Amino acid sequence: MQIDISPQPVVALIAGIAILVAPKLLNFIVAIYLIVFGVLGLIRM
């Protein structure tokens, strides 16, 4: 069983978590989008 992880979802997760450190309304919305996109990207593989 081989797991291939594309870099885009990983970067999206890291960026989303980093943005959540200093949340503002727009940053919060963007962070949620990036985290959801990252998780979905990792699940779909």
PDB file of N, CA and C in Angstrom:
ATOM      1  N   MET A   1       0.842  -1.188   0.000  1.00  0.00           N
ATOM      2  CA  MET A   1       0.000   0.000   0.000  1.00  0.00           C
ATOM      3  C   MET A   1       0.880   1.242   0.000  1.00  0.00           C
ATOM      4  N   GLN A   2       0.720   2.041  -1.027  1.00  0.00           N
ATOM      5  CA  GLN A   2       1.532   3.246  -1.160  1.00  0.00           C
ATOM      6  C   GLN A   2       0.652   4.479  -1.001  1.00  0.00           C
ATOM      7  N   ILE A   3       1.111   5.424  -0.217  1.00  0.00           N
ATOM      8  CA  ILE A   3       0.362   6.667   0.014  1.00  0.00           C
ATOM      9  C   ILE A   3       1.076   7.800  -0.705  1.00  0.00           C
ATOM     10  N   ASP A   4       0.366   8.416  -1.647  1.00  0.00           N
ATOM     11  CA  ASP A   4       0.909   9.570  -2.356  1.00  0.00           C
ATOM     12  C   ASP A   4       0.208  10.815  -1.844  1.00  0.00           C
ATOM     13  N   ILE A   5       0.966  11.738  -1.290  1.00  0.00           N
ATOM     14  CA  ILE A   5       0.400  12.977  -0.761  1.00  0.00           C
ATOM     15  C   ILE A   5       0.836  14.120  -1.669  1.00  0.00           C
ATOM     16  N   SER A   6      -0.150  14.786  -2.255  1.00  0.00           N
ATOM     17  CA  SER A   6       0.185  15.932  -3.090  1.00  0.00           C
ATOM     18  C   SER A   6       0.467  17.139  -2.196  1.00  0.00           C
ATOM     19  N   PRO A   7       1.343  18.024  -2.617  1.00  0.00           N
ATOM     20  CA  PRO A   7       1.755  19.140  -1.761  1.00  0.00           C
ATOM     21  C   PRO A   7       0.679  20.204  -1.542  1.00  0.00           C
ATOM     22  N   GLN A   8      -0.256  20.358  -2.474  1.00  0.00           N
ATOM     23  CA  GLN A   8      -1.249  21.431  -2.354  1.00  0.00           C
ATOM     24  C   GLN A   8      -2.118  21.299  -1.101  1.00  0.00           C
ATOM     25  N   PRO A   9      -2.685  20.124  -0.784  1.00  0.00           N
ATOM     26  CA  PRO A   9      -3.477  20.015   0.441  1.00  0.00           C
ATOM     27  C   PRO A   9      -2.651  20.231   1.710  1.00  0.00           C
ATOM     28  N   VAL A  10      -1.418  19.791   1.688  1.00  0.00           N
ATOM     29  CA  VAL A  10      -0.562  19.972   2.865  1.00  0.00           C
ATOM     30  C   VAL A  10      -0.283  21.460   3.090  1.00  0.00           C
ATOM     31  N   VAL A  11       0.022  22.168   2.017  1.00  0.00           N
ATOM     32  CA  VAL A  11       0.265  23.609   2.117  1.00  0.00           C
ATOM     33  C   VAL A  11      -1.000  24.326   2.572  1.00  0.00           C
ATOM     34  N   ALA A  12      -2.158  23.893   2.070  1.00  0.00           N
ATOM     35  CA  ALA A  12      -3.422  24.506   2.467  1.00  0.00           C
ATOM     36  C   ALA A  12      -3.676  24.313   3.960  1.00  0.00           C
ATOM     37  N   LEU A  13      -3.400  23.114   4.476  1.00  0.00           N
ATOM     38  CA  LEU A  13      -3.570  22.870   5.910  1.00  0.00           C
ATOM     39  C   LEU A  13      -2.630  23.730   6.745  1.00  0.00           C
ATOM     40  N   ILE A  14      -1.383  23.799   6.348  1.00  0.00           N
ATOM     41  CA  ILE A  14      -0.406  24.595   7.092  1.00  0.00           C
ATOM     42  C   ILE A  14      -0.789  26.071   7.067  1.00  0.00           C
ATOM     43  N   ALA A  15      -1.191  26.574   5.903  1.00  0.00           N
ATOM     44  CA  ALA A  15      -1.590  27.978   5.789  1.00  0.00           C
ATOM     45  C   ALA A  15      -2.842  28.250   6.613  1.00  0.00           C
ATOM     46  N   GLY A  16      -3.796  27.338   6.572  1.00  0.00           N
ATOM     47  CA  GLY A  16      -5.020  27.514   7.346  1.00  0.00           C
ATOM     48  C   GLY A  16      -4.766  27.555   8.838  1.00  0.00           C
ATOM     49  N   ILE A  17      -3.934  26.679   9.321  1.00  0.00           N
ATOM     50  CA  ILE A  17      -3.609  26.665  10.751  1.00  0.00           C
ATOM     51  C   ILE A  17      -2.835  27.923  11.136  1.00  0.00           C
ATOM     52  N   ALA A  18      -1.919  28.364  10.269  1.00  0.00           N
ATOM     53  CA  ALA A  18      -1.151  29.577  10.550  1.00  0.00           C
ATOM     54  C   ALA A  18      -2.049  30.810  10.604  1.00  0.00           C
ATOM     55  N   ILE A  19      -3.031  30.874   9.711  1.00  0.00           N
ATOM     56  CA  ILE A  19      -3.946  32.021   9.706  1.00  0.00           C
ATOM     57  C   ILE A  19      -4.810  32.022  10.965  1.00  0.00           C
ATOM     58  N   LEU A  20      -5.189  30.840  11.456  1.00  0.00           N
ATOM     59  CA  LEU A  20      -6.010  30.763  12.670  1.00  0.00           C
ATOM     60  C   LEU A  20      -5.290  31.288  13.909  1.00  0.00           C
ATOM     61  N   VAL A  21      -3.974  31.369  13.862  1.00  0.00           N
ATOM     62  CA  VAL A  21      -3.220  31.892  14.999  1.00  0.00           C
ATOM     63  C   VAL A  21      -3.583  33.353  15.260  1.00  0.00           C
ATOM     64  N   ALA A  22      -3.817  34.133  14.200  1.00  0.00           N
ATOM     65  CA  ALA A  22      -4.193  35.542  14.337  1.00  0.00           C
ATOM     66  C   ALA A  22      -5.488  35.797  13.557  1.00  0.00           C
ATOM     67  N   PRO A  23      -6.626  35.337  14.097  1.00  0.00           N
ATOM     68  CA  PRO A  23      -7.858  35.402  13.301  1.00  0.00           C
ATOM     69  C   PRO A  23      -8.490  36.786  13.242  1.00  0.00           C
ATOM     70  N   LYS A  24      -8.932  37.143  12.079  1.00  0.00           N
ATOM     71  CA  LYS A  24      -9.833  38.264  11.845  1.00  0.00           C
ATOM     72  C   LYS A  24     -10.950  37.658  11.014  1.00  0.00           C
ATOM     73  N   LEU A  25     -11.993  38.380  10.724  1.00  0.00           N
ATOM     74  CA  LEU A  25     -13.132  37.767  10.041  1.00  0.00           C
ATOM     75  C   LEU A  25     -12.736  37.167   8.694  1.00  0.00           C
ATOM     76  N   LEU A  26     -12.074  37.933   7.852  1.00  0.00           N
ATOM     77  CA  LEU A  26     -11.686  37.413   6.541  1.00  0.00           C
ATOM     78  C   LEU A  26     -10.669  36.288   6.685  1.00  0.00           C
ATOM     79  N   ASN A  27      -9.718  36.493   7.560  1.00  0.00           N
ATOM     80  CA  ASN A  27      -8.716  35.449   7.777  1.00  0.00           C
ATOM     81  C   ASN A  27      -9.365  34.164   8.282  1.00  0.00           C
ATOM     82  N   PHE A  28     -10.361  34.285   9.127  1.00  0.00           N
ATOM     83  CA  PHE A  28     -11.050  33.122   9.672  1.00  0.00           C
ATOM     84  C   PHE A  28     -11.750  32.351   8.556  1.00  0.00           C
ATOM     85  N   ILE A  29     -12.431  33.071   7.675  1.00  0.00           N
ATOM     86  CA  ILE A  29     -13.128  32.424   6.562  1.00  0.00           C
ATOM     87  C   ILE A  29     -12.135  31.740   5.628  1.00  0.00           C
ATOM     88  N   VAL A  30     -11.055  32.418   5.322  1.00  0.00           N
ATOM     89  CA  VAL A  30     -10.033  31.833   4.437  1.00  0.00           C
ATOM     90  C   VAL A  30      -9.397  30.611   5.097  1.00  0.00           C
ATOM     91  N   ALA A  31      -9.167  30.679   6.403  1.00  0.00           N
ATOM     92  CA  ALA A  31      -8.563  29.554   7.114  1.00  0.00           C
ATOM     93  C   ALA A  31      -9.475  28.331   7.069  1.00  0.00           C
ATOM     94  N   ILE A  32     -10.758  28.524   7.286  1.00  0.00           N
ATOM     95  CA  ILE A  32     -11.692  27.398   7.224  1.00  0.00           C
ATOM     96  C   ILE A  32     -11.691  26.788   5.823  1.00  0.00           C
ATOM     97  N   TYR A  33     -11.718  27.634   4.807  1.00  0.00           N
ATOM     98  CA  TYR A  33     -11.696  27.141   3.428  1.00  0.00           C
ATOM     99  C   TYR A  33     -10.431  26.326   3.169  1.00  0.00           C
ATOM    100  N   LEU A  34      -9.290  26.849   3.585  1.00  0.00           N
ATOM    101  CA  LEU A  34      -8.033  26.145   3.332  1.00  0.00           C
ATOM    102  C   LEU A  34      -7.966  24.813   4.073  1.00  0.00           C
ATOM    103  N   ILE A  35      -8.449  24.785   5.303  1.00  0.00           N
ATOM    104  CA  ILE A  35      -8.418  23.544   6.075  1.00  0.00           C
ATOM    105  C   ILE A  35      -9.342  22.504   5.458  1.00  0.00           C
ATOM    106  N   VAL A  36     -10.553  22.917   5.084  1.00  0.00           N
ATOM    107  CA  VAL A  36     -11.492  21.976   4.473  1.00  0.00           C
ATOM    108  C   VAL A  36     -10.936  21.448   3.152  1.00  0.00           C
ATOM    109  N   PHE A  37     -10.397  22.354   2.319  1.00  0.00           N
ATOM    110  CA  PHE A  37      -9.826  21.945   1.043  1.00  0.00           C
ATOM    111  C   PHE A  37      -8.654  20.993   1.256  1.00  0.00           C
ATOM    112  N   GLY A  38      -7.837  21.277   2.249  1.00  0.00           N
ATOM    113  CA  GLY A  38      -6.690  20.424   2.534  1.00  0.00           C
ATOM    114  C   GLY A  38      -7.092  19.037   2.996  1.00  0.00           C
ATOM    115  N   VAL A  39      -8.063  18.965   3.889  1.00  0.00           N
ATOM    116  CA  VAL A  39      -8.525  17.670   4.388  1.00  0.00           C
ATOM    117  C   VAL A  39      -9.165  16.863   3.252  1.00  0.00           C
ATOM    118  N   LEU A  40     -10.003  17.510   2.456  1.00  0.00           N
ATOM    119  CA  LEU A  40     -10.628  16.802   1.335  1.00  0.00           C
ATOM    120  C   LEU A  40      -9.591  16.314   0.333  1.00  0.00           C
ATOM    121  N   GLY A  41      -8.589  17.128   0.093  1.00  0.00           N
ATOM    122  CA  GLY A  41      -7.526  16.730  -0.832  1.00  0.00           C
ATOM    123  C   GLY A  41      -6.740  15.532  -0.323  1.00  0.00           C
ATOM    124  N   LEU A  42      -6.511  15.474   0.986  1.00  0.00           N
ATOM    125  CA  LEU A  42      -5.775  14.350   1.550  1.00  0.00           C
ATOM    126  C   LEU A  42      -6.631  13.082   1.559  1.00  0.00           C
ATOM    127  N   ILE A  43      -7.928  13.223   1.776  1.00  0.00           N
ATOM    128  CA  ILE A  43      -8.810  12.063   1.813  1.00  0.00           C
ATOM    129  C   ILE A  43      -8.955  11.432   0.432  1.00  0.00           C
ATOM    130  N   ARG A  44      -9.098  12.280  -0.597  1.00  0.00           N
ATOM    131  CA  ARG A  44      -9.313  11.789  -1.961  1.00  0.00           C
ATOM    132  C   ARG A  44      -8.092  11.098  -2.536  1.00  0.00           C
ATOM    133  N   MET A  45      -6.897  11.548  -2.168  1.00  0.00           N
ATOM    134  CA  MET A  45      -5.629  11.024  -2.673  1.00  0.00           C
ATOM    135  C   MET A  45      -5.751  10.708  -4.133  1.00  0.00           C
TER     136      MET A  45
END
